[in-house]
N, C-alpha and C. Protein backbone atom coordinates (compact mmCIF):
# COMPACT_ATOMS: atom_id res chain seq x y z
N MET A 1 -7.95 -28.41 81.08
CA MET A 1 -7.06 -27.30 80.74
C MET A 1 -6.94 -26.33 81.90
N MET A 2 -5.74 -25.80 82.09
CA MET A 2 -5.50 -24.86 83.17
C MET A 2 -6.10 -23.50 82.85
N THR A 3 -6.60 -22.83 83.86
CA THR A 3 -7.09 -21.45 83.72
C THR A 3 -5.93 -20.52 84.03
N LYS A 4 -5.62 -19.65 83.08
CA LYS A 4 -4.45 -18.78 83.20
C LYS A 4 -4.85 -17.40 83.70
N ILE A 5 -4.35 -17.05 84.90
CA ILE A 5 -4.64 -15.76 85.51
C ILE A 5 -3.39 -14.88 85.46
N TYR A 6 -3.54 -13.66 84.98
CA TYR A 6 -2.44 -12.70 85.00
C TYR A 6 -2.75 -11.63 86.05
N ILE A 7 -1.76 -11.33 86.88
CA ILE A 7 -1.86 -10.21 87.82
C ILE A 7 -0.94 -9.12 87.27
N VAL A 8 -1.54 -8.10 86.70
CA VAL A 8 -0.81 -7.06 85.98
C VAL A 8 -0.88 -5.76 86.79
N TYR A 9 0.28 -5.20 87.14
CA TYR A 9 0.26 -4.09 88.07
C TYR A 9 1.38 -3.08 87.80
N TYR A 10 1.20 -1.91 88.42
CA TYR A 10 2.26 -0.92 88.50
C TYR A 10 2.45 -0.59 89.97
N SER A 11 3.70 -0.57 90.42
CA SER A 11 3.98 -0.27 91.82
C SER A 11 5.25 0.56 91.90
N MET A 12 5.12 1.79 92.40
CA MET A 12 6.30 2.65 92.50
C MET A 12 7.09 2.37 93.76
N TYR A 13 6.40 2.20 94.89
CA TYR A 13 7.08 2.03 96.18
C TYR A 13 6.94 0.63 96.78
N GLY A 14 6.20 -0.25 96.11
CA GLY A 14 6.11 -1.64 96.56
C GLY A 14 4.81 -2.04 97.23
N HIS A 15 3.93 -1.09 97.52
CA HIS A 15 2.68 -1.41 98.21
C HIS A 15 1.76 -2.27 97.35
N VAL A 16 1.60 -1.87 96.10
CA VAL A 16 0.73 -2.63 95.19
C VAL A 16 1.35 -4.00 94.90
N GLU A 17 2.67 -4.05 94.80
CA GLU A 17 3.33 -5.33 94.54
C GLU A 17 3.09 -6.32 95.68
N LYS A 18 3.07 -5.83 96.92
CA LYS A 18 2.78 -6.71 98.07
C LYS A 18 1.39 -7.33 97.92
N LEU A 19 0.42 -6.51 97.53
CA LEU A 19 -0.93 -7.03 97.32
C LEU A 19 -0.95 -8.04 96.17
N ALA A 20 -0.20 -7.73 95.11
CA ALA A 20 -0.14 -8.62 93.95
C ALA A 20 0.38 -10.01 94.33
N GLU A 21 1.37 -10.04 95.19
CA GLU A 21 1.93 -11.32 95.63
C GLU A 21 0.88 -12.17 96.34
N GLU A 22 0.06 -11.53 97.18
CA GLU A 22 -0.98 -12.27 97.89
C GLU A 22 -2.11 -12.69 96.96
N ILE A 23 -2.43 -11.85 95.99
CA ILE A 23 -3.46 -12.21 95.01
C ILE A 23 -3.00 -13.43 94.22
N LYS A 24 -1.73 -13.45 93.88
CA LYS A 24 -1.19 -14.62 93.17
C LYS A 24 -1.31 -15.88 94.03
N LYS A 25 -0.95 -15.77 95.31
CA LYS A 25 -1.07 -16.94 96.20
C LYS A 25 -2.51 -17.41 96.29
N GLY A 26 -3.43 -16.46 96.39
CA GLY A 26 -4.84 -16.83 96.47
C GLY A 26 -5.31 -17.53 95.21
N ALA A 27 -4.88 -17.02 94.05
CA ALA A 27 -5.28 -17.64 92.79
C ALA A 27 -4.71 -19.05 92.66
N LEU A 28 -3.46 -19.21 93.09
CA LEU A 28 -2.82 -20.54 93.00
C LEU A 28 -3.41 -21.55 93.96
N SER A 29 -4.17 -21.08 94.95
CA SER A 29 -4.80 -22.02 95.89
C SER A 29 -6.01 -22.70 95.28
N VAL A 30 -6.41 -22.26 94.10
CA VAL A 30 -7.55 -22.85 93.39
C VAL A 30 -7.05 -23.91 92.42
N GLU A 31 -7.59 -25.10 92.54
CA GLU A 31 -7.16 -26.21 91.67
C GLU A 31 -7.45 -25.88 90.21
N GLY A 32 -6.51 -26.22 89.34
CA GLY A 32 -6.70 -26.00 87.92
C GLY A 32 -6.38 -24.59 87.45
N VAL A 33 -5.71 -23.82 88.32
CA VAL A 33 -5.39 -22.43 87.99
C VAL A 33 -3.88 -22.21 88.03
N GLU A 34 -3.37 -21.49 87.06
CA GLU A 34 -1.99 -21.03 87.11
C GLU A 34 -2.02 -19.51 87.09
N ALA A 35 -1.11 -18.89 87.82
CA ALA A 35 -1.12 -17.43 87.95
C ALA A 35 0.28 -16.88 87.75
N LYS A 36 0.34 -15.72 87.12
CA LYS A 36 1.63 -15.09 86.86
C LYS A 36 1.53 -13.59 87.11
N MET A 37 2.55 -13.04 87.75
CA MET A 37 2.62 -11.60 87.99
C MET A 37 3.39 -10.91 86.87
N TRP A 38 2.91 -9.73 86.47
CA TRP A 38 3.55 -8.93 85.45
C TRP A 38 3.54 -7.47 85.88
N GLN A 39 4.59 -6.74 85.53
CA GLN A 39 4.61 -5.30 85.73
C GLN A 39 4.37 -4.59 84.39
N VAL A 40 3.74 -3.41 84.44
CA VAL A 40 3.63 -2.61 83.23
C VAL A 40 4.88 -1.73 83.13
N PRO A 41 5.20 -1.24 81.95
CA PRO A 41 6.43 -0.44 81.78
C PRO A 41 6.39 0.86 82.57
N GLU A 42 7.54 1.23 83.06
CA GLU A 42 7.70 2.51 83.73
C GLU A 42 7.78 3.61 82.66
N THR A 43 7.19 4.76 82.94
CA THR A 43 7.24 5.87 81.99
C THR A 43 8.13 7.01 82.47
N LEU A 44 8.52 6.99 83.75
CA LEU A 44 9.35 8.06 84.28
C LEU A 44 10.84 7.73 84.12
N PRO A 45 11.66 8.73 83.85
CA PRO A 45 13.11 8.51 83.75
C PRO A 45 13.68 8.10 85.11
N GLU A 46 14.79 7.36 85.07
CA GLU A 46 15.45 6.90 86.29
C GLU A 46 15.82 8.07 87.20
N GLU A 47 16.22 9.16 86.62
CA GLU A 47 16.62 10.34 87.38
C GLU A 47 15.46 10.87 88.23
N VAL A 48 14.28 10.88 87.64
CA VAL A 48 13.08 11.36 88.35
C VAL A 48 12.70 10.39 89.45
N LEU A 49 12.76 9.10 89.15
CA LEU A 49 12.42 8.08 90.15
C LEU A 49 13.36 8.17 91.35
N ASN A 50 14.62 8.42 91.09
CA ASN A 50 15.60 8.56 92.18
C ASN A 50 15.26 9.74 93.07
N LYS A 51 14.87 10.85 92.46
CA LYS A 51 14.51 12.04 93.22
C LYS A 51 13.25 11.81 94.06
N MET A 52 12.38 10.91 93.57
CA MET A 52 11.14 10.60 94.27
C MET A 52 11.36 9.54 95.36
N GLY A 53 12.57 9.01 95.44
CA GLY A 53 12.88 8.00 96.44
C GLY A 53 12.32 6.63 96.14
N ALA A 54 12.04 6.36 94.87
CA ALA A 54 11.49 5.06 94.49
C ALA A 54 12.58 3.99 94.51
N PRO A 55 12.31 2.84 95.12
CA PRO A 55 13.30 1.77 95.14
C PRO A 55 13.42 1.12 93.76
N PRO A 56 14.47 0.34 93.52
CA PRO A 56 14.60 -0.36 92.24
C PRO A 56 13.43 -1.31 92.01
N LYS A 57 13.08 -1.52 90.75
CA LYS A 57 12.00 -2.45 90.42
C LYS A 57 12.42 -3.88 90.73
N SER A 58 11.45 -4.71 91.03
CA SER A 58 11.71 -6.13 91.27
C SER A 58 11.97 -6.82 89.93
N ASP A 59 12.27 -8.11 89.98
CA ASP A 59 12.56 -8.85 88.75
C ASP A 59 11.31 -9.44 88.10
N VAL A 60 10.13 -9.03 88.55
CA VAL A 60 8.88 -9.46 87.91
C VAL A 60 8.91 -8.95 86.47
N PRO A 61 8.62 -9.82 85.48
CA PRO A 61 8.75 -9.41 84.07
C PRO A 61 7.79 -8.30 83.67
N ILE A 62 8.21 -7.54 82.64
CA ILE A 62 7.40 -6.47 82.08
C ILE A 62 6.50 -7.05 80.99
N ILE A 63 5.24 -6.69 81.03
CA ILE A 63 4.29 -7.21 80.05
C ILE A 63 4.10 -6.23 78.90
N SER A 64 3.85 -6.75 77.71
CA SER A 64 3.47 -5.92 76.57
C SER A 64 1.95 -6.02 76.42
N PRO A 65 1.30 -5.00 75.88
CA PRO A 65 -0.16 -5.04 75.76
C PRO A 65 -0.71 -6.30 75.11
N ASN A 66 -0.08 -6.74 74.03
CA ASN A 66 -0.61 -7.90 73.30
C ASN A 66 -0.61 -9.18 74.11
N GLU A 67 0.26 -9.26 75.12
CA GLU A 67 0.32 -10.47 75.94
C GLU A 67 -0.92 -10.63 76.83
N LEU A 68 -1.68 -9.56 77.01
CA LEU A 68 -2.90 -9.66 77.81
C LEU A 68 -3.87 -10.67 77.21
N ALA A 69 -3.87 -10.79 75.90
CA ALA A 69 -4.80 -11.67 75.21
C ALA A 69 -4.59 -13.15 75.56
N GLU A 70 -3.41 -13.49 76.09
CA GLU A 70 -3.11 -14.89 76.42
C GLU A 70 -3.80 -15.35 77.70
N ALA A 71 -4.23 -14.40 78.52
CA ALA A 71 -4.81 -14.75 79.83
C ALA A 71 -6.29 -15.09 79.72
N ASP A 72 -6.74 -15.95 80.64
CA ASP A 72 -8.17 -16.25 80.75
C ASP A 72 -8.86 -15.26 81.67
N GLY A 73 -8.08 -14.61 82.53
CA GLY A 73 -8.61 -13.61 83.44
C GLY A 73 -7.47 -12.73 83.90
N ILE A 74 -7.75 -11.44 84.16
CA ILE A 74 -6.69 -10.49 84.52
C ILE A 74 -7.11 -9.66 85.72
N VAL A 75 -6.21 -9.56 86.70
CA VAL A 75 -6.43 -8.68 87.84
C VAL A 75 -5.45 -7.52 87.71
N PHE A 76 -5.98 -6.32 87.62
CA PHE A 76 -5.17 -5.12 87.41
C PHE A 76 -4.95 -4.39 88.73
N GLY A 77 -3.70 -3.97 88.99
CA GLY A 77 -3.40 -3.26 90.23
C GLY A 77 -2.58 -2.01 89.99
N PHE A 78 -2.88 -0.96 90.76
CA PHE A 78 -2.18 0.31 90.57
C PHE A 78 -2.36 1.20 91.79
N PRO A 79 -1.42 2.12 92.00
CA PRO A 79 -1.61 3.13 93.04
C PRO A 79 -2.50 4.25 92.52
N THR A 80 -2.95 5.08 93.42
CA THR A 80 -3.82 6.20 93.07
C THR A 80 -3.02 7.47 92.82
N ARG A 81 -3.46 8.23 91.85
CA ARG A 81 -2.96 9.58 91.64
C ARG A 81 -4.20 10.48 91.52
N PHE A 82 -4.45 11.26 92.57
CA PHE A 82 -5.60 12.16 92.58
C PHE A 82 -6.92 11.41 92.35
N GLY A 83 -7.07 10.26 92.98
CA GLY A 83 -8.32 9.53 92.94
C GLY A 83 -8.54 8.66 91.72
N MET A 84 -7.51 8.53 90.87
CA MET A 84 -7.62 7.68 89.68
C MET A 84 -6.33 6.87 89.55
N MET A 85 -6.33 5.93 88.60
CA MET A 85 -5.13 5.10 88.40
C MET A 85 -3.93 5.96 88.03
N ALA A 86 -2.75 5.49 88.41
CA ALA A 86 -1.50 6.18 88.08
C ALA A 86 -1.32 6.28 86.57
N ALA A 87 -0.65 7.34 86.13
CA ALA A 87 -0.47 7.59 84.70
C ALA A 87 0.27 6.46 84.00
N GLN A 88 1.18 5.79 84.71
CA GLN A 88 1.93 4.69 84.10
C GLN A 88 0.98 3.59 83.65
N PHE A 89 -0.02 3.31 84.49
CA PHE A 89 -0.95 2.24 84.13
C PHE A 89 -1.91 2.70 83.04
N LYS A 90 -2.32 3.96 83.11
CA LYS A 90 -3.19 4.50 82.06
C LYS A 90 -2.48 4.47 80.72
N ALA A 91 -1.19 4.78 80.71
CA ALA A 91 -0.42 4.76 79.47
C ALA A 91 -0.39 3.34 78.89
N PHE A 92 -0.26 2.36 79.77
CA PHE A 92 -0.25 0.97 79.32
C PHE A 92 -1.60 0.60 78.69
N LEU A 93 -2.69 0.96 79.36
CA LEU A 93 -4.01 0.64 78.82
C LEU A 93 -4.29 1.41 77.54
N ASP A 94 -3.75 2.64 77.45
CA ASP A 94 -3.93 3.41 76.22
C ASP A 94 -3.26 2.73 75.02
N ALA A 95 -2.32 1.84 75.30
CA ALA A 95 -1.60 1.14 74.23
C ALA A 95 -2.29 -0.16 73.81
N THR A 96 -3.50 -0.41 74.34
CA THR A 96 -4.21 -1.66 74.02
C THR A 96 -5.24 -1.46 72.91
N GLY A 97 -5.07 -0.42 72.12
CA GLY A 97 -6.03 -0.15 71.04
C GLY A 97 -6.16 -1.29 70.05
N GLY A 98 -5.05 -1.95 69.76
CA GLY A 98 -5.10 -3.09 68.83
C GLY A 98 -5.95 -4.22 69.36
N LEU A 99 -5.82 -4.48 70.67
CA LEU A 99 -6.64 -5.52 71.30
C LEU A 99 -8.11 -5.12 71.26
N TRP A 100 -8.37 -3.84 71.47
CA TRP A 100 -9.75 -3.34 71.44
C TRP A 100 -10.37 -3.51 70.06
N ARG A 101 -9.61 -3.14 69.03
CA ARG A 101 -10.14 -3.26 67.66
C ARG A 101 -10.46 -4.70 67.32
N ALA A 102 -9.64 -5.62 67.79
CA ALA A 102 -9.85 -7.04 67.49
C ALA A 102 -10.73 -7.73 68.52
N GLN A 103 -11.17 -6.98 69.55
CA GLN A 103 -12.03 -7.52 70.61
C GLN A 103 -11.40 -8.74 71.30
N GLN A 104 -10.10 -8.69 71.49
CA GLN A 104 -9.40 -9.84 72.06
C GLN A 104 -9.54 -9.96 73.57
N LEU A 105 -9.99 -8.90 74.23
CA LEU A 105 -10.20 -8.98 75.68
C LEU A 105 -11.68 -9.10 76.03
N ALA A 106 -12.54 -8.99 75.04
CA ALA A 106 -13.98 -9.06 75.28
C ALA A 106 -14.36 -10.39 75.91
N GLY A 107 -15.16 -10.32 76.97
CA GLY A 107 -15.63 -11.53 77.64
C GLY A 107 -14.69 -12.09 78.68
N LYS A 108 -13.49 -11.52 78.80
CA LYS A 108 -12.56 -12.00 79.82
C LYS A 108 -12.89 -11.35 81.17
N PRO A 109 -12.86 -12.12 82.28
CA PRO A 109 -13.08 -11.52 83.60
C PRO A 109 -11.90 -10.65 84.01
N ALA A 110 -12.20 -9.59 84.74
CA ALA A 110 -11.15 -8.67 85.19
C ALA A 110 -11.45 -8.19 86.61
N GLY A 111 -10.40 -8.07 87.42
CA GLY A 111 -10.52 -7.56 88.77
C GLY A 111 -9.60 -6.36 88.95
N ILE A 112 -9.76 -5.64 90.06
CA ILE A 112 -8.97 -4.44 90.32
C ILE A 112 -8.53 -4.41 91.78
N PHE A 113 -7.27 -4.01 92.02
CA PHE A 113 -6.78 -3.76 93.37
C PHE A 113 -5.91 -2.52 93.33
N TYR A 114 -5.62 -1.91 94.49
CA TYR A 114 -5.07 -0.55 94.46
C TYR A 114 -4.50 -0.15 95.81
N SER A 115 -3.77 0.96 95.81
CA SER A 115 -3.30 1.57 97.06
C SER A 115 -3.56 3.07 96.98
N THR A 116 -3.79 3.69 98.14
CA THR A 116 -3.95 5.13 98.21
C THR A 116 -3.13 5.66 99.37
N GLY A 117 -2.90 6.97 99.36
CA GLY A 117 -2.10 7.57 100.42
C GLY A 117 -2.87 7.82 101.70
N SER A 118 -4.19 7.98 101.57
CA SER A 118 -5.00 8.30 102.74
C SER A 118 -6.36 7.65 102.65
N GLN A 119 -7.13 7.73 103.74
CA GLN A 119 -8.43 7.06 103.79
C GLN A 119 -9.43 7.68 102.82
N GLY A 120 -9.29 8.97 102.56
CA GLY A 120 -10.19 9.62 101.61
C GLY A 120 -9.55 9.83 100.26
N GLY A 121 -8.48 9.07 99.99
CA GLY A 121 -7.68 9.31 98.79
C GLY A 121 -8.03 8.53 97.56
N GLY A 122 -9.15 7.80 97.56
CA GLY A 122 -9.53 7.13 96.32
C GLY A 122 -9.75 5.63 96.42
N GLN A 123 -10.04 5.10 97.61
CA GLN A 123 -10.26 3.66 97.74
C GLN A 123 -11.47 3.18 96.93
N GLU A 124 -12.39 4.07 96.64
CA GLU A 124 -13.52 3.70 95.79
C GLU A 124 -13.47 4.39 94.43
N THR A 125 -13.03 5.66 94.39
CA THR A 125 -13.01 6.35 93.10
C THR A 125 -11.99 5.74 92.15
N THR A 126 -10.89 5.23 92.68
CA THR A 126 -9.85 4.65 91.81
C THR A 126 -10.37 3.44 91.04
N PRO A 127 -10.93 2.42 91.72
CA PRO A 127 -11.48 1.31 90.94
C PRO A 127 -12.70 1.70 90.12
N LEU A 128 -13.52 2.61 90.67
CA LEU A 128 -14.74 3.00 89.96
C LEU A 128 -14.41 3.64 88.62
N THR A 129 -13.43 4.53 88.61
CA THR A 129 -13.05 5.18 87.35
C THR A 129 -12.30 4.23 86.43
N ALA A 130 -11.66 3.21 86.99
CA ALA A 130 -10.93 2.24 86.16
C ALA A 130 -11.87 1.31 85.40
N ILE A 131 -13.09 1.16 85.91
CA ILE A 131 -14.04 0.25 85.26
C ILE A 131 -14.35 0.69 83.83
N THR A 132 -14.22 2.00 83.55
CA THR A 132 -14.49 2.46 82.19
C THR A 132 -13.57 1.79 81.17
N GLN A 133 -12.32 1.55 81.58
CA GLN A 133 -11.36 0.89 80.68
C GLN A 133 -11.84 -0.54 80.37
N LEU A 134 -12.32 -1.21 81.40
CA LEU A 134 -12.79 -2.59 81.22
C LEU A 134 -14.03 -2.62 80.34
N ALA A 135 -14.92 -1.66 80.55
CA ALA A 135 -16.17 -1.63 79.78
C ALA A 135 -15.91 -1.46 78.28
N HIS A 136 -14.95 -0.60 77.93
CA HIS A 136 -14.67 -0.37 76.52
C HIS A 136 -14.08 -1.61 75.86
N HIS A 137 -13.41 -2.44 76.64
CA HIS A 137 -12.87 -3.69 76.12
C HIS A 137 -13.90 -4.82 76.17
N GLY A 138 -15.02 -4.58 76.81
CA GLY A 138 -16.02 -5.64 76.93
C GLY A 138 -15.65 -6.70 77.95
N MET A 139 -14.77 -6.33 78.89
CA MET A 139 -14.37 -7.28 79.92
C MET A 139 -15.45 -7.37 80.99
N LEU A 140 -15.43 -8.46 81.75
CA LEU A 140 -16.43 -8.70 82.78
C LEU A 140 -15.84 -8.36 84.14
N PHE A 141 -16.25 -7.25 84.72
CA PHE A 141 -15.70 -6.83 86.01
C PHE A 141 -16.18 -7.77 87.12
N VAL A 142 -15.21 -8.28 87.89
CA VAL A 142 -15.51 -9.19 89.00
C VAL A 142 -15.11 -8.51 90.31
N PRO A 143 -16.05 -7.84 90.98
CA PRO A 143 -15.74 -7.24 92.27
C PRO A 143 -15.77 -8.31 93.36
N ILE A 144 -15.19 -8.02 94.51
CA ILE A 144 -15.26 -9.01 95.58
C ILE A 144 -16.53 -8.84 96.40
N GLY A 145 -17.22 -7.72 96.19
CA GLY A 145 -18.45 -7.51 96.97
C GLY A 145 -18.15 -7.58 98.47
N TYR A 146 -18.98 -8.31 99.19
CA TYR A 146 -18.76 -8.50 100.63
C TYR A 146 -18.42 -9.96 100.94
N THR A 147 -17.83 -10.64 99.95
CA THR A 147 -17.49 -12.06 100.12
C THR A 147 -16.36 -12.27 101.12
N PHE A 148 -15.65 -11.20 101.49
CA PHE A 148 -14.58 -11.32 102.47
C PHE A 148 -15.15 -11.42 103.89
N GLY A 149 -16.45 -11.30 104.01
CA GLY A 149 -17.11 -11.50 105.29
C GLY A 149 -16.82 -10.44 106.33
N ALA A 150 -16.53 -10.89 107.56
CA ALA A 150 -16.34 -9.97 108.69
C ALA A 150 -15.21 -8.98 108.45
N GLY A 151 -14.24 -9.38 107.63
CA GLY A 151 -13.11 -8.50 107.35
C GLY A 151 -13.52 -7.21 106.66
N MET A 152 -14.67 -7.24 105.99
CA MET A 152 -15.15 -6.04 105.31
C MET A 152 -15.69 -5.01 106.31
N PHE A 153 -16.01 -5.46 107.50
CA PHE A 153 -16.64 -4.58 108.49
C PHE A 153 -15.68 -4.18 109.61
N GLU A 154 -14.39 -4.41 109.40
CA GLU A 154 -13.39 -4.06 110.41
C GLU A 154 -13.44 -2.56 110.72
N MET A 155 -13.61 -2.24 111.98
CA MET A 155 -13.70 -0.84 112.39
C MET A 155 -12.64 -0.45 113.42
N GLU A 156 -12.00 -1.42 114.03
CA GLU A 156 -11.01 -1.13 115.08
C GLU A 156 -9.68 -0.70 114.51
N ASN A 157 -9.36 -1.21 113.33
CA ASN A 157 -8.08 -0.90 112.72
C ASN A 157 -8.29 -0.30 111.33
N VAL A 158 -7.33 0.51 110.91
CA VAL A 158 -7.39 1.08 109.56
C VAL A 158 -7.21 -0.04 108.55
N LYS A 159 -8.11 -0.11 107.58
CA LYS A 159 -8.04 -1.16 106.57
C LYS A 159 -8.46 -0.62 105.20
N GLY A 160 -7.64 -0.88 104.21
CA GLY A 160 -7.99 -0.48 102.85
C GLY A 160 -8.91 -1.49 102.21
N GLY A 161 -9.23 -1.24 100.96
CA GLY A 161 -10.10 -2.15 100.23
C GLY A 161 -11.55 -1.70 100.26
N SER A 162 -12.35 -2.30 99.41
CA SER A 162 -13.76 -1.97 99.30
C SER A 162 -14.44 -3.11 98.55
N PRO A 163 -15.75 -3.03 98.32
CA PRO A 163 -16.40 -4.08 97.53
C PRO A 163 -15.82 -4.21 96.12
N TYR A 164 -15.12 -3.16 95.66
CA TYR A 164 -14.53 -3.22 94.32
C TYR A 164 -13.31 -4.13 94.25
N GLY A 165 -12.55 -4.20 95.36
CA GLY A 165 -11.35 -5.01 95.34
C GLY A 165 -10.46 -4.74 96.54
N ALA A 166 -9.38 -5.48 96.63
CA ALA A 166 -8.44 -5.32 97.75
C ALA A 166 -7.70 -4.00 97.63
N GLY A 167 -7.35 -3.42 98.78
CA GLY A 167 -6.63 -2.16 98.77
C GLY A 167 -5.82 -1.99 100.04
N THR A 168 -4.93 -1.03 99.99
CA THR A 168 -4.12 -0.70 101.16
C THR A 168 -3.86 0.79 101.21
N PHE A 169 -3.47 1.27 102.37
CA PHE A 169 -3.09 2.67 102.55
C PHE A 169 -1.58 2.75 102.66
N ALA A 170 -0.98 3.64 101.88
CA ALA A 170 0.47 3.80 101.92
C ALA A 170 0.90 4.89 102.90
N GLY A 171 0.00 5.80 103.24
CA GLY A 171 0.37 6.91 104.11
C GLY A 171 1.46 7.74 103.46
N ASP A 172 2.51 8.01 104.21
CA ASP A 172 3.64 8.78 103.65
C ASP A 172 4.61 7.87 102.91
N GLY A 173 4.21 6.62 102.73
CA GLY A 173 5.04 5.63 102.04
C GLY A 173 5.64 4.60 102.97
N SER A 174 5.62 4.90 104.28
CA SER A 174 6.24 3.99 105.25
C SER A 174 5.29 2.90 105.72
N ARG A 175 3.98 3.07 105.48
CA ARG A 175 3.01 2.06 105.91
C ARG A 175 2.83 1.02 104.79
N PHE A 176 3.00 -0.24 105.15
CA PHE A 176 2.80 -1.32 104.17
C PHE A 176 1.56 -2.13 104.55
N PRO A 177 1.05 -2.95 103.62
CA PRO A 177 -0.19 -3.67 103.89
C PRO A 177 -0.15 -4.46 105.20
N THR A 178 -1.25 -4.37 105.94
CA THR A 178 -1.39 -5.11 107.20
C THR A 178 -1.77 -6.55 106.90
N GLU A 179 -1.77 -7.37 107.94
CA GLU A 179 -2.17 -8.77 107.77
C GLU A 179 -3.58 -8.87 107.21
N LEU A 180 -4.47 -8.04 107.73
CA LEU A 180 -5.86 -8.08 107.27
C LEU A 180 -5.97 -7.67 105.81
N GLU A 181 -5.21 -6.66 105.42
CA GLU A 181 -5.24 -6.23 104.02
C GLU A 181 -4.65 -7.31 103.11
N LEU A 182 -3.63 -7.99 103.57
CA LEU A 182 -3.04 -9.09 102.80
C LEU A 182 -4.00 -10.27 102.71
N GLU A 183 -4.73 -10.51 103.79
CA GLU A 183 -5.74 -11.58 103.77
C GLU A 183 -6.83 -11.27 102.75
N GLN A 184 -7.21 -10.00 102.69
CA GLN A 184 -8.23 -9.61 101.72
C GLN A 184 -7.71 -9.79 100.29
N ALA A 185 -6.44 -9.48 100.06
CA ALA A 185 -5.85 -9.66 98.74
C ALA A 185 -5.80 -11.15 98.38
N PHE A 186 -5.42 -11.99 99.34
CA PHE A 186 -5.42 -13.43 99.11
C PHE A 186 -6.83 -13.90 98.74
N HIS A 187 -7.81 -13.40 99.49
CA HIS A 187 -9.21 -13.76 99.22
C HIS A 187 -9.61 -13.34 97.82
N GLN A 188 -9.22 -12.13 97.42
CA GLN A 188 -9.57 -11.67 96.08
C GLN A 188 -8.99 -12.59 95.02
N GLY A 189 -7.72 -12.97 95.19
CA GLY A 189 -7.10 -13.87 94.23
C GLY A 189 -7.83 -15.20 94.13
N LYS A 190 -8.19 -15.75 95.27
CA LYS A 190 -8.89 -17.03 95.30
C LYS A 190 -10.28 -16.91 94.70
N TYR A 191 -11.00 -15.87 95.09
CA TYR A 191 -12.36 -15.65 94.60
C TYR A 191 -12.36 -15.41 93.09
N PHE A 192 -11.45 -14.54 92.64
CA PHE A 192 -11.39 -14.22 91.22
C PHE A 192 -11.04 -15.46 90.40
N ALA A 193 -10.07 -16.23 90.86
CA ALA A 193 -9.64 -17.43 90.13
C ALA A 193 -10.77 -18.45 90.03
N THR A 194 -11.55 -18.55 91.09
CA THR A 194 -12.69 -19.48 91.08
C THR A 194 -13.71 -19.06 90.02
N ILE A 195 -14.00 -17.77 89.94
CA ILE A 195 -14.94 -17.26 88.94
C ILE A 195 -14.38 -17.46 87.52
N ALA A 196 -13.10 -17.13 87.34
CA ALA A 196 -12.48 -17.25 86.02
C ALA A 196 -12.47 -18.71 85.55
N ARG A 197 -12.20 -19.63 86.47
CA ARG A 197 -12.19 -21.05 86.11
C ARG A 197 -13.58 -21.51 85.70
N LYS A 198 -14.59 -21.08 86.45
CA LYS A 198 -15.97 -21.45 86.11
C LYS A 198 -16.36 -20.92 84.73
N LEU A 199 -15.95 -19.68 84.44
CA LEU A 199 -16.26 -19.10 83.14
C LEU A 199 -15.61 -19.87 82.01
N LYS A 200 -14.34 -20.22 82.21
CA LYS A 200 -13.62 -20.96 81.18
C LYS A 200 -14.24 -22.33 80.95
N GLU A 201 -14.61 -22.99 82.05
CA GLU A 201 -15.18 -24.35 81.93
C GLU A 201 -16.57 -24.34 81.32
N SER A 202 -17.25 -23.18 81.35
CA SER A 202 -18.61 -23.12 80.84
C SER A 202 -18.66 -22.98 79.32
N PHE A 203 -17.50 -22.65 78.70
CA PHE A 203 -17.49 -22.48 77.25
C PHE A 203 -16.99 -23.74 76.54
């Protein structure tokens, strides 16, 4: 049986979506795994998004909370707002009360990836505070640790990410993920999918 991985994310300017694409590629590189990207619903009116300079959303489908239960493993991605996940993603998770009551996500592996505006803007606090959502659902957090090897110790160039998961810096919005950041996202997808497949095969 195939292991079904969902990459569920919110991306206002496209930075998180770029990471999501690489995570999907990484997951698909694992035999016996299928991966699908999903966006969470937008909560801001179109008028506000236009004023913020947000580009149109891609054609990646919008997920409903109940569809999370179909996945064998889920990687959640979001930008930072004041060191925590964006409100759009929090609103989506707040709507998973039915899944929580039925314990439909309990025991499922979960990963986290993210973007921040600056180096001190939440590369660790964002995933760290997001883990509380996973804990209440009984999900199994799968960090990448230092499995990315030498890439984790890059000091010559600015690089997002942490042991919690892949990350990127958006800066003023004009900076997009570097090759190294994309490689880390690919690695996370591959690593996470390998763990999720092992978990599924063990039951």
